[in-house]
Amino acid sequence: MPCCKLDATTREYIRSKLFGDYGLMYMPSIVLGGIAQQTIEMQWEKYSQLVSQGININKESQVNFFLTMKDKTQGTYNIQTQNTFSSQIITQHASKFGGDASSSSINEWANTVSSNPGVIRFSMSSITDLITQARFPNDTNLTQKKELIEQVLIEYTAKPLECINDCTNALQGTCKPPVSLGVGWCECKPGWSGVDCSQGDHTVASSNRIPAGTICGYSDGKIMVPCFGQNPTMSCPQGYTVRRYIDIGLTVCFKSVTTMQKSTIGTICGLVNVGPNVDGKIACNYTFNHLQQTCPSGYQRFDYRGSALITVCMSANSLVDLPGTICGMQRLHLTDGPACDGFNPGLQQCPDGYQYGTWRHSSTNQFSVCYRIS
């Protein structure tokens, strides 16, 4: 690295070689593992009755958990007491995060966590924290170089936004903060589209209506599609809510309320699953063949090829949603998951302009969705 004067050459080196290649932050710690949990719903009156009978709720909850998870090492317990406890349960739902969620018992699942762990927690620090004498013992100018990098970092993060062609003009688009290092993105005004909002788009106003429940971002341990640059397992952007299906390791973001705007970068269009125990042939903009889904212009493809093929398309800039855009994602015959503009796809309900469809994620997990058709 050039040293020790902050000139144009040094600035360009730091921006392109350091920030461009390595980013601005790094992850000093990350905890990987698995979580198995169970949620039990019980009326307070019934709970109080069990307590008055001398039943240890914590103990019986643990016994119930291990029985549900088919634990083969569970010790002795009183069957009659457990039956009394279980009879008062209204609903219960067991789930696993990390590992192979399809494992038949918690013992088998625990053995798969090390090969397919989930992110439990992590921390982030500035890239300049890596510049230490211990890592670069032979660099006599290390202190000066670190000061130069820190100064350029301050300048870089404080610089005005830069968008392609400045989004043409203020009447056609607005420059928004970048999703990734470098150039920002253009949020186009109604009637305009394209990466710089230069293309006339004279669709009716309803085309810009983004219903609550529109899916943005997708992460299932095999594919990670960001929603406006954010990993759904970590966070969702403003205006979106996270939904985790912990038992299968699937996480998405969905639109919290219906708005009139162009689509958010990361909106999911099309869900294609091909292989044993999976099924889904919802194409993005009607583009599909028997082996793969191709994505239309302005969309980015994400896929996984293992025992099954999983493919989704993600909007790569601010667009009007195309046919195949996913809205609502609920388990089949249930209302477990986000609705689409108040309609429950789990009950085969979808709003005007959307069609009901099913998508099988795995042998025992089938979902109902609404997808745009006009």
Protein backbone atom coordinates (compact mmCIF):
# COMPACT_ATOMS: atom_id res chain seq x y z
CA MET A 1 0.00 0.00 0.00
CA PRO A 2 1.30 3.51 -0.83
CA CYS A 3 2.54 5.47 2.17
CA CYS A 4 2.52 7.90 3.77
CA LYS A 5 0.74 10.75 1.99
CA LEU A 6 -2.99 10.97 1.37
CA ASP A 7 -3.12 11.77 -2.34
CA ALA A 8 -5.27 10.61 -5.27
CA THR A 9 -3.18 7.45 -5.78
CA THR A 10 -3.44 6.41 -2.13
CA ARG A 11 -7.17 7.12 -2.01
CA GLU A 12 -7.82 5.05 -5.14
CA TYR A 13 -5.71 2.15 -3.81
CA ILE A 14 -7.58 2.08 -0.49
CA ARG A 15 -11.00 2.30 -2.15
CA SER A 16 -10.40 -0.31 -4.85
CA LYS A 17 -7.95 -2.74 -3.23
CA LEU A 18 -9.13 -2.63 0.37
CA PHE A 19 -12.77 -1.52 0.41
CA GLY A 20 -13.56 -2.98 -3.01
CA ASP A 21 -11.98 -6.39 -2.37
CA TYR A 22 -12.62 -6.82 1.36
CA GLY A 23 -15.50 -4.49 2.25
CA LEU A 24 -15.84 -2.13 5.21
CA MET A 25 -16.67 -4.61 7.97
CA TYR A 26 -15.63 -8.07 9.08
CA MET A 27 -17.10 -10.67 11.41
CA PRO A 28 -14.76 -11.28 14.40
CA SER A 29 -17.03 -13.86 15.98
CA ILE A 30 -19.86 -16.11 14.92
CA VAL A 31 -21.65 -18.84 16.82
CA LEU A 32 -23.00 -21.73 14.76
CA GLY A 33 -25.20 -24.50 16.04
CA GLY A 34 -28.77 -25.72 16.25
CA ILE A 35 -31.91 -24.97 18.23
CA ALA A 36 -34.69 -27.43 18.98
CA GLN A 37 -37.73 -25.96 20.67
CA GLN A 38 -41.41 -26.52 21.31
CA THR A 39 -44.25 -24.05 21.89
CA ILE A 40 -47.17 -25.22 24.03
CA GLU A 41 -50.46 -23.33 24.30
CA MET A 42 -52.62 -23.88 27.38
CA GLN A 43 -55.45 -21.92 29.01
CA TRP A 44 -54.42 -20.14 32.19
CA GLU A 45 -57.31 -21.74 34.09
CA LYS A 46 -56.14 -25.25 33.12
CA TYR A 47 -52.54 -24.32 33.93
CA SER A 48 -53.60 -23.18 37.41
CA GLN A 49 -55.55 -26.40 37.97
CA LEU A 50 -52.48 -28.49 37.13
CA VAL A 51 -50.36 -26.46 39.54
CA SER A 52 -52.99 -26.88 42.29
CA GLN A 53 -52.80 -30.66 41.74
CA GLY A 54 -49.07 -30.53 42.50
CA ILE A 55 -47.96 -31.16 38.92
CA ASN A 56 -44.52 -29.72 38.09
CA ILE A 57 -45.19 -27.80 34.87
CA ASN A 58 -41.51 -27.35 33.97
CA LYS A 59 -40.78 -31.06 34.37
CA GLU A 60 -43.84 -32.22 32.42
CA SER A 61 -43.09 -29.68 29.67
CA GLN A 62 -39.61 -31.16 29.32
CA VAL A 63 -40.99 -34.70 29.24
CA ASN A 64 -43.52 -33.66 26.59
CA PHE A 65 -40.76 -32.01 24.55
CA PHE A 66 -38.59 -35.12 24.51
CA LEU A 67 -41.55 -37.36 23.72
CA THR A 68 -42.54 -35.10 20.82
CA MET A 69 -38.95 -35.05 19.56
CA LYS A 70 -38.76 -38.87 19.89
CA ASP A 71 -35.78 -38.78 22.23
CA LYS A 72 -34.46 -42.32 22.68
CA THR A 73 -32.53 -41.53 25.87
CA GLN A 74 -35.42 -40.01 27.88
CA GLY A 75 -35.44 -41.32 31.46
CA THR A 76 -38.38 -42.59 33.48
CA TYR A 77 -41.52 -40.52 33.96
CA ASN A 78 -45.05 -40.95 35.29
CA ILE A 79 -47.27 -41.79 32.32
CA GLN A 80 -50.49 -40.85 34.14
CA THR A 81 -49.13 -37.44 35.17
CA GLN A 82 -47.90 -36.77 31.64
CA ASN A 83 -51.26 -37.77 30.17
CA THR A 84 -53.02 -35.39 32.58
CA PHE A 85 -50.67 -32.59 31.55
CA SER A 86 -50.99 -33.35 27.81
CA SER A 87 -54.79 -33.42 27.98
CA GLN A 88 -54.84 -29.70 28.82
CA ILE A 89 -52.69 -28.64 25.84
CA ILE A 90 -54.62 -26.69 23.20
CA THR A 91 -51.90 -26.58 20.54
CA GLN A 92 -48.23 -27.44 20.39
CA HIS A 93 -45.59 -26.93 17.73
CA ALA A 94 -42.07 -28.38 17.74
CA SER A 95 -39.36 -27.00 15.47
CA LYS A 96 -35.67 -27.29 14.70
CA PHE A 97 -33.19 -24.70 13.41
CA GLY A 98 -29.97 -25.94 11.85
CA GLY A 99 -29.14 -29.54 11.07
CA ASP A 100 -31.45 -31.77 9.05
CA ALA A 101 -34.99 -30.78 10.05
CA SER A 102 -36.37 -33.96 8.44
CA SER A 103 -34.56 -36.20 10.96
CA SER A 104 -36.99 -38.56 12.68
CA SER A 105 -35.67 -38.01 16.22
CA ILE A 106 -33.85 -35.30 18.14
CA ASN A 107 -30.90 -37.67 18.57
CA GLU A 108 -30.51 -38.10 14.81
CA TRP A 109 -31.02 -34.35 14.30
CA ALA A 110 -28.30 -33.48 16.85
CA ASN A 111 -25.80 -35.54 14.85
CA THR A 112 -26.52 -33.47 11.72
CA VAL A 113 -26.05 -30.02 13.28
CA SER A 114 -22.26 -29.99 12.88
CA SER A 115 -22.54 -30.55 9.10
CA ASN A 116 -25.36 -28.02 8.57
CA PRO A 117 -25.32 -25.49 11.43
CA GLY A 118 -27.41 -22.34 11.63
CA VAL A 119 -26.17 -18.89 12.66
CA ILE A 120 -27.04 -18.39 16.34
CA ARG A 121 -25.34 -15.01 16.84
CA PHE A 122 -22.48 -12.94 15.41
CA SER A 123 -20.64 -9.64 15.84
CA MET A 124 -19.35 -7.04 13.36
CA SER A 125 -16.31 -4.72 13.51
CA SER A 126 -14.60 -2.20 11.27
CA ILE A 127 -12.02 -3.59 8.86
CA THR A 128 -9.45 -1.22 10.39
CA ASP A 129 -9.54 -3.30 13.59
CA LEU A 130 -7.65 -5.99 11.67
CA ILE A 131 -4.67 -3.68 11.16
CA THR A 132 -2.51 -4.56 14.17
CA GLN A 133 1.22 -4.97 14.77
CA ALA A 134 0.65 -8.63 15.60
CA ARG A 135 -0.72 -9.28 12.10
CA PHE A 136 1.83 -7.08 10.29
CA PRO A 137 4.99 -7.27 12.46
CA ASN A 138 7.38 -6.24 9.68
CA ASP A 139 5.53 -3.13 8.48
CA THR A 140 7.31 -0.09 9.95
CA ASN A 141 4.67 2.28 8.54
CA LEU A 142 1.67 0.41 9.91
CA THR A 143 0.45 3.20 12.20
CA GLN A 144 0.52 5.77 9.39
CA LYS A 145 -1.20 3.38 6.98
CA LYS A 146 -3.97 2.65 9.46
CA GLU A 147 -4.55 6.38 9.95
CA LEU A 148 -4.77 6.85 6.16
CA ILE A 149 -7.27 4.01 5.82
CA GLU A 150 -9.39 5.36 8.67
CA GLN A 151 -9.43 8.83 7.09
CA VAL A 152 -10.46 7.48 3.67
CA LEU A 153 -13.10 5.33 5.38
CA ILE A 154 -14.62 8.43 7.00
CA GLU A 155 -14.60 10.23 3.64
CA TYR A 156 -16.03 7.21 1.84
CA THR A 157 -18.96 6.65 4.18
CA ALA A 158 -19.79 10.38 4.26
CA LYS A 159 -19.65 10.94 0.50
CA PRO A 160 -22.84 11.93 -1.39
CA LEU A 161 -24.83 9.16 -3.00
CA GLU A 162 -23.97 8.25 -6.58
CA CYS A 163 -26.53 6.60 -8.83
CA ILE A 164 -26.41 5.58 -12.48
CA ASN A 165 -27.09 8.65 -14.62
CA ASP A 166 -28.32 10.41 -11.43
CA CYS A 167 -31.64 8.56 -11.97
CA THR A 168 -32.15 10.75 -15.09
CA ASN A 169 -33.77 13.62 -13.13
CA ALA A 170 -35.69 14.32 -9.93
CA LEU A 171 -39.04 13.96 -11.72
CA GLN A 172 -38.28 10.40 -12.83
CA GLY A 173 -36.35 8.89 -9.91
CA THR A 174 -34.64 9.33 -6.54
CA CYS A 175 -31.18 8.06 -5.63
CA LYS A 176 -31.31 5.73 -2.63
CA PRO A 177 -28.54 4.35 -0.34
CA PRO A 178 -26.54 1.48 -1.88
CA VAL A 179 -27.43 -2.12 -1.22
CA SER A 180 -23.77 -3.07 -1.55
CA LEU A 181 -20.46 -1.27 -1.71
CA GLY A 182 -20.41 1.34 -4.45
CA VAL A 183 -23.31 2.74 -6.44
CA GLY A 184 -26.75 3.48 -5.01
CA TRP A 185 -30.03 2.46 -6.64
CA CYS A 186 -32.80 4.44 -8.29
CA GLU A 187 -36.32 4.42 -6.86
CA CYS A 188 -38.36 5.29 -9.94
CA LYS A 189 -41.44 7.49 -9.84
CA PRO A 190 -44.72 6.09 -11.23
CA GLY A 191 -44.54 5.91 -15.02
CA TRP A 192 -40.78 5.31 -15.17
CA SER A 193 -38.58 2.21 -14.88
CA GLY A 194 -35.08 0.89 -15.60
CA VAL A 195 -31.85 1.07 -13.62
CA ASP A 196 -31.73 4.86 -14.14
CA CYS A 197 -35.51 5.49 -14.43
CA SER A 198 -35.11 6.54 -18.05
CA GLN A 199 -37.64 4.13 -19.57
CA GLY A 200 -41.20 5.33 -19.91
CA ASP A 201 -43.59 2.90 -18.26
CA HIS A 202 -47.17 3.98 -18.78
CA THR A 203 -48.85 1.18 -16.85
CA VAL A 204 -51.89 1.98 -14.77
CA ALA A 205 -51.48 2.97 -11.14
CA SER A 206 -52.65 -0.44 -9.90
CA SER A 207 -49.48 -1.96 -11.37
CA ASN A 208 -47.52 -0.11 -8.69
CA ARG A 209 -49.65 -1.46 -5.85
CA ILE A 210 -47.54 -3.71 -3.61
CA PRO A 211 -49.90 -5.74 -1.40
CA ALA A 212 -49.12 -6.66 2.18
CA GLY A 213 -47.59 -10.13 2.26
CA THR A 214 -45.42 -9.69 -0.85
CA ILE A 215 -42.37 -11.90 -0.25
CA CYS A 216 -38.90 -10.31 -0.30
CA GLY A 217 -35.75 -12.27 0.42
CA TYR A 218 -35.42 -16.03 0.94
CA SER A 219 -33.05 -18.15 3.02
CA ASP A 220 -33.29 -21.90 3.64
CA GLY A 221 -29.69 -22.96 4.23
CA LYS A 222 -29.23 -23.76 0.54
CA ILE A 223 -30.10 -20.40 -1.05
CA MET A 224 -29.76 -16.94 0.47
CA VAL A 225 -31.60 -14.20 -1.45
CA PRO A 226 -31.23 -10.78 0.25
CA CYS A 227 -34.16 -8.39 0.70
CA PHE A 228 -32.81 -4.94 -0.12
CA GLY A 229 -29.33 -6.17 0.74
CA GLN A 230 -30.29 -7.72 4.09
CA ASN A 231 -30.09 -11.42 4.94
CA PRO A 232 -33.62 -12.37 6.11
CA THR A 233 -32.19 -14.57 8.86
CA MET A 234 -30.56 -11.46 10.36
CA SER A 235 -33.02 -8.63 9.66
CA CYS A 236 -35.59 -7.22 7.23
CA PRO A 237 -35.64 -3.66 5.81
CA GLN A 238 -38.05 -1.00 7.01
CA GLY A 239 -41.62 -1.79 6.01
CA TYR A 240 -41.02 -5.55 6.02
CA THR A 241 -41.55 -8.22 8.69
CA VAL A 242 -39.54 -11.40 9.20
CA ARG A 243 -41.24 -14.83 9.09
CA ARG A 244 -39.29 -17.88 10.21
CA TYR A 245 -40.37 -21.47 9.57
CA ILE A 246 -37.85 -22.77 12.10
CA ASP A 247 -38.65 -26.46 11.66
CA ILE A 248 -37.32 -26.40 8.08
CA GLY A 249 -34.82 -23.54 8.41
CA LEU A 250 -36.73 -21.28 6.00
CA THR A 251 -36.86 -17.50 6.56
CA VAL A 252 -38.44 -14.76 4.40
CA CYS A 253 -39.35 -11.09 4.73
CA PHE A 254 -42.85 -9.94 3.77
CA LYS A 255 -44.46 -6.55 3.15
CA SER A 256 -46.06 -5.33 6.38
CA VAL A 257 -48.72 -3.08 4.81
CA THR A 258 -50.03 -2.44 1.29
CA THR A 259 -48.42 0.58 -0.42
CA MET A 260 -48.33 2.31 -3.79
CA GLN A 261 -44.73 2.09 -5.00
CA LYS A 262 -42.34 0.19 -7.21
CA SER A 263 -41.12 -3.19 -6.05
CA THR A 264 -38.31 -3.51 -3.50
CA ILE A 265 -35.00 -4.97 -4.65
CA GLY A 266 -35.09 -8.59 -3.54
CA THR A 267 -38.79 -9.24 -4.22
CA ILE A 268 -39.25 -12.94 -5.02
CA CYS A 269 -40.70 -13.88 -8.41
CA GLY A 270 -41.17 -17.56 -9.21
CA LEU A 271 -40.59 -20.66 -7.06
CA VAL A 272 -39.35 -23.75 -8.89
CA ASN A 273 -38.57 -27.03 -7.09
CA VAL A 274 -37.77 -30.16 -9.10
CA GLY A 275 -36.71 -33.44 -7.52
CA PRO A 276 -37.66 -36.15 -5.02
CA ASN A 277 -40.10 -35.05 -2.29
CA VAL A 278 -40.29 -31.48 -3.63
CA ASP A 279 -42.53 -29.80 -6.17
CA GLY A 280 -43.11 -26.27 -7.36
CA LYS A 281 -43.48 -24.83 -10.83
CA ILE A 282 -44.46 -21.20 -10.31
CA ALA A 283 -42.58 -19.39 -13.07
CA CYS A 284 -41.47 -15.76 -13.12
CA ASN A 285 -43.07 -13.99 -16.09
CA TYR A 286 -44.20 -17.39 -17.48
CA THR A 287 -40.58 -18.45 -18.17
CA PHE A 288 -40.05 -22.11 -17.22
CA ASN A 289 -38.80 -25.42 -18.59
CA HIS A 290 -38.60 -28.88 -17.04
CA LEU A 291 -35.05 -28.48 -15.72
CA GLN A 292 -34.72 -24.90 -14.61
CA GLN A 293 -36.25 -21.49 -14.34
CA THR A 294 -34.71 -18.66 -16.34
CA CYS A 295 -35.18 -15.13 -15.05
CA PRO A 296 -36.40 -12.16 -17.11
CA SER A 297 -34.43 -8.97 -17.68
CA GLY A 298 -33.99 -6.98 -14.48
CA TYR A 299 -34.08 -10.11 -12.30
CA GLN A 300 -31.27 -12.19 -10.80
CA ARG A 301 -31.38 -15.96 -10.54
CA PHE A 302 -30.49 -17.94 -7.40
CA ASP A 303 -30.43 -21.73 -7.46
CA TYR A 304 -29.28 -24.83 -5.60
CA ARG A 305 -28.45 -28.10 -7.30
CA GLY A 306 -28.32 -31.17 -5.07
CA SER A 307 -30.74 -34.06 -4.86
CA ALA A 308 -33.30 -31.45 -5.94
CA LEU A 309 -33.20 -28.26 -8.00
CA ILE A 310 -34.42 -25.11 -6.25
CA THR A 311 -34.62 -21.87 -8.23
CA VAL A 312 -35.99 -18.40 -7.48
CA CYS A 313 -35.77 -15.06 -9.26
CA MET A 314 -35.09 -11.79 -7.41
CA SER A 315 -35.84 -8.29 -8.65
CA ALA A 316 -32.46 -6.61 -9.15
CA ASN A 317 -33.76 -3.05 -9.39
CA SER A 318 -36.89 -1.04 -8.64
CA LEU A 319 -39.52 -2.50 -10.97
CA VAL A 320 -43.21 -3.06 -11.41
CA ASP A 321 -43.88 -6.61 -10.21
CA LEU A 322 -44.07 -9.23 -12.98
CA PRO A 323 -46.41 -12.23 -13.17
CA GLY A 324 -45.11 -14.88 -10.80
CA THR A 325 -44.36 -12.45 -7.96
CA ILE A 326 -45.06 -14.29 -4.70
CA CYS A 327 -47.49 -12.85 -2.16
CA GLY A 328 -48.45 -14.70 1.01
CA MET A 329 -46.86 -17.96 2.17
CA GLN A 330 -48.87 -20.22 4.46
CA ARG A 331 -48.73 -23.90 5.28
CA LEU A 332 -51.23 -25.96 3.27
CA HIS A 333 -54.78 -25.84 4.73
CA LEU A 334 -53.60 -23.51 7.55
CA THR A 335 -53.18 -19.78 8.15
CA ASP A 336 -49.67 -20.24 9.55
CA GLY A 337 -47.69 -17.55 7.74
CA PRO A 338 -48.24 -14.18 6.04
CA ALA A 339 -51.49 -13.57 4.16
CA CYS A 340 -51.66 -11.72 0.83
CA ASP A 341 -53.47 -8.40 1.24
CA GLY A 342 -55.70 -10.02 3.88
CA PHE A 343 -56.40 -13.17 1.84
CA ASN A 344 -55.21 -16.54 3.18
CA PRO A 345 -53.58 -18.72 0.51
CA GLY A 346 -53.57 -21.58 3.05
CA LEU A 347 -57.37 -21.57 2.63
CA GLN A 348 -57.06 -21.13 -1.17
CA GLN A 349 -57.90 -17.41 -0.97
CA CYS A 350 -56.10 -14.87 -3.17
CA PRO A 351 -56.91 -11.25 -4.16
CA ASP A 352 -57.82 -10.09 -7.67
CA GLY A 353 -54.87 -10.27 -10.04
CA TYR A 354 -53.33 -13.18 -8.13
CA GLN A 355 -53.70 -16.94 -8.49
CA TYR A 356 -53.52 -19.69 -5.87
CA GLY A 357 -50.62 -22.12 -6.10
CA THR A 358 -48.82 -24.75 -4.03
CA TRP A 359 -45.13 -25.27 -3.44
CA ARG A 360 -43.63 -28.33 -1.71
CA HIS A 361 -40.41 -27.46 0.12
CA SER A 362 -39.83 -31.00 1.42
CA SER A 363 -41.68 -34.28 1.83
CA THR A 364 -43.71 -33.08 4.84
CA ASN A 365 -43.78 -29.32 4.26
CA GLN A 366 -46.14 -28.00 1.61
CA PHE A 367 -47.01 -24.32 1.28
CA SER A 368 -49.83 -22.36 -0.31
CA VAL A 369 -49.00 -19.04 -1.98
CA CYS A 370 -50.60 -16.41 -4.17
CA TYR A 371 -48.72 -15.37 -7.28
CA ARG A 372 -49.30 -12.43 -9.57
CA ILE A 373 -50.94 -13.15 -12.94
CA SER A 374 -51.56 -9.60 -14.25
